Amino acid sequence: MLPDRDAAEEVAELLTSRFALSAEPRLVRDALAGEDDAEDAQWLVVVEDPAGALDTAELDSLAEEFEGWLE
């Protein structure tokens, strides 16, 4: 979860370059309940990892670099 689209796009690019992903990360806008303003939206970078092969500590650290967090 990241605070804005620019951060989400940059994290998606970094994920693609650092990890051997089976699919491109997807960006999803997560608007706050009742909010229509894009300024109030957070962005998800969705990465499929069904085998659990990605290092969650490294993912969490990357998210924190961009003022985000891992869910």
PDB file of N, CA and C in Angstrom:
ATOM      1  N   MET A   1       0.859  -1.155   0.000  1.00  0.00           N
ATOM      2  CA  MET A   1       0.000   0.000   0.000  1.00  0.00           C
ATOM      3  C   MET A   1       0.909   1.222   0.000  1.00  0.00           C
ATOM      4  N   LEU A   2       0.656   2.123  -0.956  1.00  0.00           N
ATOM      5  CA  LEU A   2       1.506   3.306  -1.099  1.00  0.00           C
ATOM      6  C   LEU A   2       0.655   4.569  -1.141  1.00  0.00           C
ATOM      7  N   PRO A   3       1.256   5.709  -0.791  1.00  0.00           N
ATOM      8  CA  PRO A   3       0.478   6.939  -0.634  1.00  0.00           C
ATOM      9  C   PRO A   3       0.022   7.597  -1.938  1.00  0.00           C
ATOM     10  N   ASP A   4       0.699   7.317  -3.061  1.00  0.00           N
ATOM     11  CA  ASP A   4       0.293   7.970  -4.312  1.00  0.00           C
ATOM     12  C   ASP A   4       0.708   7.128  -5.516  1.00  0.00           C
ATOM     13  N   ARG A   5       0.175   7.487  -6.658  1.00  0.00           N
ATOM     14  CA  ARG A   5       0.420   6.715  -7.884  1.00  0.00           C
ATOM     15  C   ARG A   5       1.889   6.737  -8.302  1.00  0.00           C
ATOM     16  N   ASP A   6       2.553   7.878  -8.167  1.00  0.00           N
ATOM     17  CA  ASP A   6       3.967   7.960  -8.557  1.00  0.00           C
ATOM     18  C   ASP A   6       4.806   6.953  -7.771  1.00  0.00           C
ATOM     19  N   ALA A   7       4.587   6.877  -6.474  1.00  0.00           N
ATOM     20  CA  ALA A   7       5.321   5.920  -5.640  1.00  0.00           C
ATOM     21  C   ALA A   7       4.988   4.496  -6.058  1.00  0.00           C
ATOM     22  N   ALA A   8       3.724   4.224  -6.337  1.00  0.00           N
ATOM     23  CA  ALA A   8       3.309   2.883  -6.747  1.00  0.00           C
ATOM     24  C   ALA A   8       3.971   2.486  -8.069  1.00  0.00           C
ATOM     25  N   GLU A   9       4.026   3.402  -9.015  1.00  0.00           N
ATOM     26  CA  GLU A   9       4.660   3.102 -10.301  1.00  0.00           C
ATOM     27  C   GLU A   9       6.151   2.829 -10.127  1.00  0.00           C
ATOM     28  N   GLU A  10       6.800   3.601  -9.283  1.00  0.00           N
ATOM     29  CA  GLU A  10       8.235   3.405  -9.061  1.00  0.00           C
ATOM     30  C   GLU A  10       8.510   2.072  -8.364  1.00  0.00           C
ATOM     31  N   VAL A  11       7.688   1.733  -7.377  1.00  0.00           N
ATOM     32  CA  VAL A  11       7.850   0.453  -6.686  1.00  0.00           C
ATOM     33  C   VAL A  11       7.605  -0.707  -7.650  1.00  0.00           C
ATOM     34  N   ALA A  12       6.607  -0.592  -8.500  1.00  0.00           N
ATOM     35  CA  ALA A  12       6.327  -1.646  -9.478  1.00  0.00           C
ATOM     36  C   ALA A  12       7.534  -1.866 -10.394  1.00  0.00           C
ATOM     37  N   GLU A  13       8.169  -0.786 -10.833  1.00  0.00           N
ATOM     38  CA  GLU A  13       9.362  -0.894 -11.678  1.00  0.00           C
ATOM     39  C   GLU A  13      10.515  -1.563 -10.923  1.00  0.00           C
ATOM     40  N   LEU A  14      10.701  -1.170  -9.665  1.00  0.00           N
ATOM     41  CA  LEU A  14      11.765  -1.766  -8.860  1.00  0.00           C
ATOM     42  C   LEU A  14      11.517  -3.251  -8.618  1.00  0.00           C
ATOM     43  N   LEU A  15      10.271  -3.619  -8.350  1.00  0.00           N
ATOM     44  CA  LEU A  15       9.937  -5.025  -8.137  1.00  0.00           C
ATOM     45  C   LEU A  15      10.265  -5.857  -9.376  1.00  0.00           C
ATOM     46  N   THR A  16       9.930  -5.305 -10.528  1.00  0.00           N
ATOM     47  CA  THR A  16      10.176  -6.010 -11.784  1.00  0.00           C
ATOM     48  C   THR A  16      11.674  -6.199 -12.020  1.00  0.00           C
ATOM     49  N   SER A  17      12.470  -5.201 -11.652  1.00  0.00           N
ATOM     50  CA  SER A  17      13.916  -5.310 -11.879  1.00  0.00           C
ATOM     51  C   SER A  17      14.621  -6.157 -10.814  1.00  0.00           C
ATOM     52  N   ARG A  18      14.100  -6.201  -9.600  1.00  0.00           N
ATOM     53  CA  ARG A  18      14.769  -6.929  -8.510  1.00  0.00           C
ATOM     54  C   ARG A  18      14.375  -8.391  -8.399  1.00  0.00           C
ATOM     55  N   PHE A  19      13.150  -8.723  -8.780  1.00  0.00           N
ATOM     56  CA  PHE A  19      12.640 -10.069  -8.585  1.00  0.00           C
ATOM     57  C   PHE A  19      12.253 -10.699  -9.919  1.00  0.00           C
ATOM     58  N   ALA A  20      12.337 -12.014  -9.970  1.00  0.00           N
ATOM     59  CA  ALA A  20      11.889 -12.752 -11.149  1.00  0.00           C
ATOM     60  C   ALA A  20      10.393 -13.017 -10.973  1.00  0.00           C
ATOM     61  N   LEU A  21       9.593 -12.040 -11.346  1.00  0.00           N
ATOM     62  CA  LEU A  21       8.142 -12.158 -11.178  1.00  0.00           C
ATOM     63  C   LEU A  21       7.531 -12.912 -12.348  1.00  0.00           C
ATOM     64  N   SER A  22       6.508 -13.699 -12.058  1.00  0.00           N
ATOM     65  CA  SER A  22       5.831 -14.442 -13.117  1.00  0.00           C
ATOM     66  C   SER A  22       4.877 -13.553 -13.907  1.00  0.00           C
ATOM     67  N   ALA A  23       4.501 -12.424 -13.327  1.00  0.00           N
ATOM     68  CA  ALA A  23       3.602 -11.469 -14.001  1.00  0.00           C
ATOM     69  C   ALA A  23       3.960 -10.057 -13.537  1.00  0.00           C
ATOM     70  N   GLU A  24       3.637  -9.083 -14.377  1.00  0.00           N
ATOM     71  CA  GLU A  24       3.864  -7.677 -14.024  1.00  0.00           C
ATOM     72  C   GLU A  24       3.017  -7.304 -12.800  1.00  0.00           C
ATOM     73  N   PRO A  25       3.541  -6.496 -11.887  1.00  0.00           N
ATOM     74  CA  PRO A  25       2.720  -6.010 -10.775  1.00  0.00           C
ATOM     75  C   PRO A  25       1.561  -5.168 -11.317  1.00  0.00           C
ATOM     76  N   ARG A  26       0.413  -5.264 -10.666  1.00  0.00           N
ATOM     77  CA  ARG A  26      -0.757  -4.460 -11.049  1.00  0.00           C
ATOM     78  C   ARG A  26      -0.899  -3.299 -10.078  1.00  0.00           C
ATOM     79  N   LEU A  27      -1.264  -2.135 -10.589  1.00  0.00           N
ATOM     80  CA  LEU A  27      -1.536  -0.971  -9.753  1.00  0.00           C
ATOM     81  C   LEU A  27      -3.042  -0.835  -9.603  1.00  0.00           C
ATOM     82  N   VAL A  28      -3.487  -0.671  -8.361  1.00  0.00           N
ATOM     83  CA  VAL A  28      -4.911  -0.558  -8.072  1.00  0.00           C
ATOM     84  C   VAL A  28      -5.132   0.624  -7.149  1.00  0.00           C
ATOM     85  N   ARG A  29      -6.018   1.525  -7.545  1.00  0.00           N
ATOM     86  CA  ARG A  29      -6.360   2.687  -6.715  1.00  0.00           C
ATOM     87  C   ARG A  29      -7.325   2.233  -5.631  1.00  0.00           C
ATOM     88  N   ASP A  30      -7.032   2.587  -4.396  1.00  0.00           N
ATOM     89  CA  ASP A  30      -7.860   2.212  -3.252  1.00  0.00           C
ATOM     90  C   ASP A  30      -8.376   3.491  -2.605  1.00  0.00           C
ATOM     91  N   ALA A  31      -9.522   3.981  -3.096  1.00  0.00           N
ATOM     92  CA  ALA A  31     -10.099   5.219  -2.566  1.00  0.00           C
ATOM     93  C   ALA A  31     -10.632   4.988  -1.161  1.00  0.00           C
ATOM     94  N   LEU A  32     -10.486   5.983  -0.334  1.00  0.00           N
ATOM     95  CA  LEU A  32     -11.045   5.910   1.010  1.00  0.00           C
ATOM     96  C   LEU A  32     -12.558   5.945   0.912  1.00  0.00           C
ATOM     97  N   ALA A  33     -13.229   5.298   1.829  1.00  0.00           N
ATOM     98  CA  ALA A  33     -14.688   5.216   1.800  1.00  0.00           C
ATOM     99  C   ALA A  33     -15.319   6.597   1.707  1.00  0.00           C
ATOM    100  N   GLY A  34     -16.149   6.781   0.712  1.00  0.00           N
ATOM    101  CA  GLY A  34     -16.872   8.032   0.545  1.00  0.00           C
ATOM    102  C   GLY A  34     -16.083   9.143  -0.118  1.00  0.00           C
ATOM    103  N   GLU A  35     -14.866   8.882  -0.518  1.00  0.00           N
ATOM    104  CA  GLU A  35     -14.021   9.910  -1.118  1.00  0.00           C
ATOM    105  C   GLU A  35     -13.951   9.728  -2.625  1.00  0.00           C
ATOM    106  N   ASP A  36     -14.172  10.795  -3.370  1.00  0.00           N
ATOM    107  CA  ASP A  36     -14.054  10.767  -4.823  1.00  0.00           C
ATOM    108  C   ASP A  36     -12.772  11.420  -5.297  1.00  0.00           C
ATOM    109  N   ASP A  37     -12.126  12.168  -4.435  1.00  0.00           N
ATOM    110  CA  ASP A  37     -10.929  12.929  -4.784  1.00  0.00           C
ATOM    111  C   ASP A  37      -9.716  12.003  -4.876  1.00  0.00           C
ATOM    112  N   ALA A  38      -9.011  12.035  -5.985  1.00  0.00           N
ATOM    113  CA  ALA A  38      -7.831  11.190  -6.178  1.00  0.00           C
ATOM    114  C   ALA A  38      -6.743  11.496  -5.156  1.00  0.00           C
ATOM    115  N   GLU A  39      -6.754  12.696  -4.595  1.00  0.00           N
ATOM    116  CA  GLU A  39      -5.759  13.053  -3.582  1.00  0.00           C
ATOM    117  C   GLU A  39      -5.923  12.205  -2.326  1.00  0.00           C
ATOM    118  N   ASP A  40      -7.111  11.667  -2.097  1.00  0.00           N
ATOM    119  CA  ASP A  40      -7.382  10.873  -0.906  1.00  0.00           C
ATOM    120  C   ASP A  40      -7.228   9.379  -1.162  1.00  0.00           C
ATOM    121  N   ALA A  41      -6.696   9.012  -2.293  1.00  0.00           N
ATOM    122  CA  ALA A  41      -6.553   7.602  -2.642  1.00  0.00           C
ATOM    123  C   ALA A  41      -5.171   7.087  -2.273  1.00  0.00           C
ATOM    124  N   GLN A  42      -5.149   5.828  -1.895  1.00  0.00           N
ATOM    125  CA  GLN A  42      -3.895   5.123  -1.718  1.00  0.00           C
ATOM    126  C   GLN A  42      -3.788   4.152  -2.887  1.00  0.00           C
ATOM    127  N   TRP A  43      -2.596   3.669  -3.135  1.00  0.00           N
ATOM    128  CA  TRP A  43      -2.385   2.786  -4.277  1.00  0.00           C
ATOM    129  C   TRP A  43      -1.796   1.463  -3.817  1.00  0.00           C
ATOM    130  N   LEU A  44      -2.341   0.402  -4.343  1.00  0.00           N
ATOM    131  CA  LEU A  44      -1.844  -0.942  -4.087  1.00  0.00           C
ATOM    132  C   LEU A  44      -0.969  -1.370  -5.257  1.00  0.00           C
ATOM    133  N   VAL A  45       0.127  -2.030  -4.941  1.00  0.00           N
ATOM    134  CA  VAL A  45       0.933  -2.682  -5.957  1.00  0.00           C
ATOM    135  C   VAL A  45       0.721  -4.171  -5.704  1.00  0.00           C
ATOM    136  N   VAL A  46      -0.044  -4.795  -6.586  1.00  0.00           N
ATOM    137  CA  VAL A  46      -0.428  -6.192  -6.396  1.00  0.00           C
ATOM    138  C   VAL A  46       0.585  -7.090  -7.096  1.00  0.00           C
ATOM    139  N   VAL A  47       1.196  -7.977  -6.297  1.00  0.00           N
ATOM    140  CA  VAL A  47       2.181  -8.923  -6.810  1.00  0.00           C
ATOM    141  C   VAL A  47       1.678 -10.325  -6.483  1.00  0.00           C
ATOM    142  N   GLU A  48       1.548 -11.147  -7.513  1.00  0.00           N
ATOM    143  CA  GLU A  48       1.139 -12.537  -7.314  1.00  0.00           C
ATOM    144  C   GLU A  48       2.353 -13.354  -6.884  1.00  0.00           C
ATOM    145  N   ASP A  49       2.229 -14.067  -5.762  1.00  0.00           N
ATOM    146  CA  ASP A  49       3.309 -14.919  -5.259  1.00  0.00           C
ATOM    147  C   ASP A  49       2.694 -16.144  -4.580  1.00  0.00           C
ATOM    148  N   PRO A  50       2.016 -17.002  -5.348  1.00  0.00           N
ATOM    149  CA  PRO A  50       1.330 -18.145  -4.743  1.00  0.00           C
ATOM    150  C   PRO A  50       2.262 -19.126  -4.039  1.00  0.00           C
ATOM    151  N   ALA A  51       3.500 -19.213  -4.467  1.00  0.00           N
ATOM    152  CA  ALA A  51       4.453 -20.146  -3.854  1.00  0.00           C
ATOM    153  C   ALA A  51       5.115 -19.552  -2.616  1.00  0.00           C
ATOM    154  N   GLY A  52       4.912 -18.246  -2.369  1.00  0.00           N
ATOM    155  CA  GLY A  52       5.533 -17.599  -1.218  1.00  0.00           C
ATOM    156  C   GLY A  52       7.042 -17.486  -1.349  1.00  0.00           C
ATOM    157  N   ALA A  53       7.528 -17.326  -2.571  1.00  0.00           N
ATOM    158  CA  ALA A  53       8.965 -17.284  -2.827  1.00  0.00           C
ATOM    159  C   ALA A  53       9.595 -15.921  -2.564  1.00  0.00           C
ATOM    160  N   LEU A  54       8.801 -14.866  -2.567  1.00  0.00           N
ATOM    161  CA  LEU A  54       9.355 -13.521  -2.366  1.00  0.00           C
ATOM    162  C   LEU A  54       9.636 -13.271  -0.892  1.00  0.00           C
ATOM    163  N   ASP A  55      10.723 -12.579  -0.611  1.00  0.00           N
ATOM    164  CA  ASP A  55      11.138 -12.254   0.752  1.00  0.00           C
ATOM    165  C   ASP A  55      10.262 -11.116   1.275  1.00  0.00           C
ATOM    166  N   THR A  56       9.380 -11.414   2.217  1.00  0.00           N
ATOM    167  CA  THR A  56       8.455 -10.396   2.723  1.00  0.00           C
ATOM    168  C   THR A  56       9.172  -9.267   3.451  1.00  0.00           C
ATOM    169  N   ALA A  57      10.295  -9.565   4.100  1.00  0.00           N
ATOM    170  CA  ALA A  57      11.055  -8.511   4.781  1.00  0.00           C
ATOM    171  C   ALA A  57      11.595  -7.511   3.758  1.00  0.00           C
ATOM    172  N   GLU A  58      12.057  -8.016   2.618  1.00  0.00           N
ATOM    173  CA  GLU A  58      12.576  -7.139   1.571  1.00  0.00           C
ATOM    174  C   GLU A  58      11.440  -6.324   0.939  1.00  0.00           C
ATOM    175  N   LEU A  59      10.288  -6.961   0.739  1.00  0.00           N
ATOM    176  CA  LEU A  59       9.125  -6.242   0.201  1.00  0.00           C
ATOM    177  C   LEU A  59       8.676  -5.150   1.162  1.00  0.00           C
ATOM    178  N   ASP A  60       8.653  -5.464   2.451  1.00  0.00           N
ATOM    179  CA  ASP A  60       8.242  -4.488   3.460  1.00  0.00           C
ATOM    180  C   ASP A  60       9.218  -3.324   3.501  1.00  0.00           C
ATOM    181  N   SER A  61      10.499  -3.617   3.422  1.00  0.00           N
ATOM    182  CA  SER A  61      11.525  -2.566   3.424  1.00  0.00           C
ATOM    183  C   SER A  61      11.376  -1.653   2.210  1.00  0.00           C
ATOM    184  N   LEU A  62      11.117  -2.238   1.047  1.00  0.00           N
ATOM    185  CA  LEU A  62      10.915  -1.446  -0.170  1.00  0.00           C
ATOM    186  C   LEU A  62       9.699  -0.538  -0.021  1.00  0.00           C
ATOM    187  N   ALA A  63       8.605  -1.066   0.498  1.00  0.00           N
ATOM    188  CA  ALA A  63       7.399  -0.262   0.698  1.00  0.00           C
ATOM    189  C   ALA A  63       7.669   0.898   1.658  1.00  0.00           C
ATOM    190  N   GLU A  64       8.397   0.625   2.738  1.00  0.00           N
ATOM    191  CA  GLU A  64       8.709   1.668   3.717  1.00  0.00           C
ATOM    192  C   GLU A  64       9.554   2.785   3.123  1.00  0.00           C
ATOM    193  N   GLU A  65      10.429   2.455   2.168  1.00  0.00           N
ATOM    194  CA  GLU A  65      11.245   3.487   1.501  1.00  0.00           C
ATOM    195  C   GLU A  65      10.374   4.528   0.828  1.00  0.00           C
ATOM    196  N   PHE A  66       9.155   4.142   0.449  1.00  0.00           N
ATOM    197  CA  PHE A  66       8.235   5.030  -0.261  1.00  0.00           C
ATOM    198  C   PHE A  66       7.040   5.410   0.609  1.00  0.00           C
ATOM    199  N   GLU A  67       7.228   5.345   1.929  1.00  0.00           N
ATOM    200  CA  GLU A  67       6.199   5.705   2.914  1.00  0.00           C
ATOM    201  C   GLU A  67       4.945   4.838   2.793  1.00  0.00           C
ATOM    202  N   GLY A  68       5.171   3.578   2.462  1.00  0.00           N
ATOM    203  CA  GLY A  68       4.075   2.638   2.354  1.00  0.00           C
ATOM    204  C   GLY A  68       4.245   1.490   3.333  1.00  0.00           C
ATOM    205  N   TRP A  69       3.442   0.454   3.151  1.00  0.00           N
ATOM    206  CA  TRP A  69       3.519  -0.710   4.001  1.00  0.00           C
ATOM    207  C   TRP A  69       3.049  -1.940   3.238  1.00  0.00           C
ATOM    208  N   LEU A  70       3.426  -3.102   3.773  1.00  0.00           N
ATOM    209  CA  LEU A  70       3.093  -4.381   3.164  1.00  0.00           C
ATOM    210  C   LEU A  70       1.819  -4.917   3.797  1.00  0.00           C
ATOM    211  N   GLU A  71       0.937  -5.398   2.959  1.00  0.00           N
ATOM    212  CA  GLU A  71      -0.287  -6.039   3.482  1.00  0.00           C
ATOM    213  C   GLU A  71      -0.338  -7.462   3.033  1.00  0.00           C
TER     214      GLU A  71
END
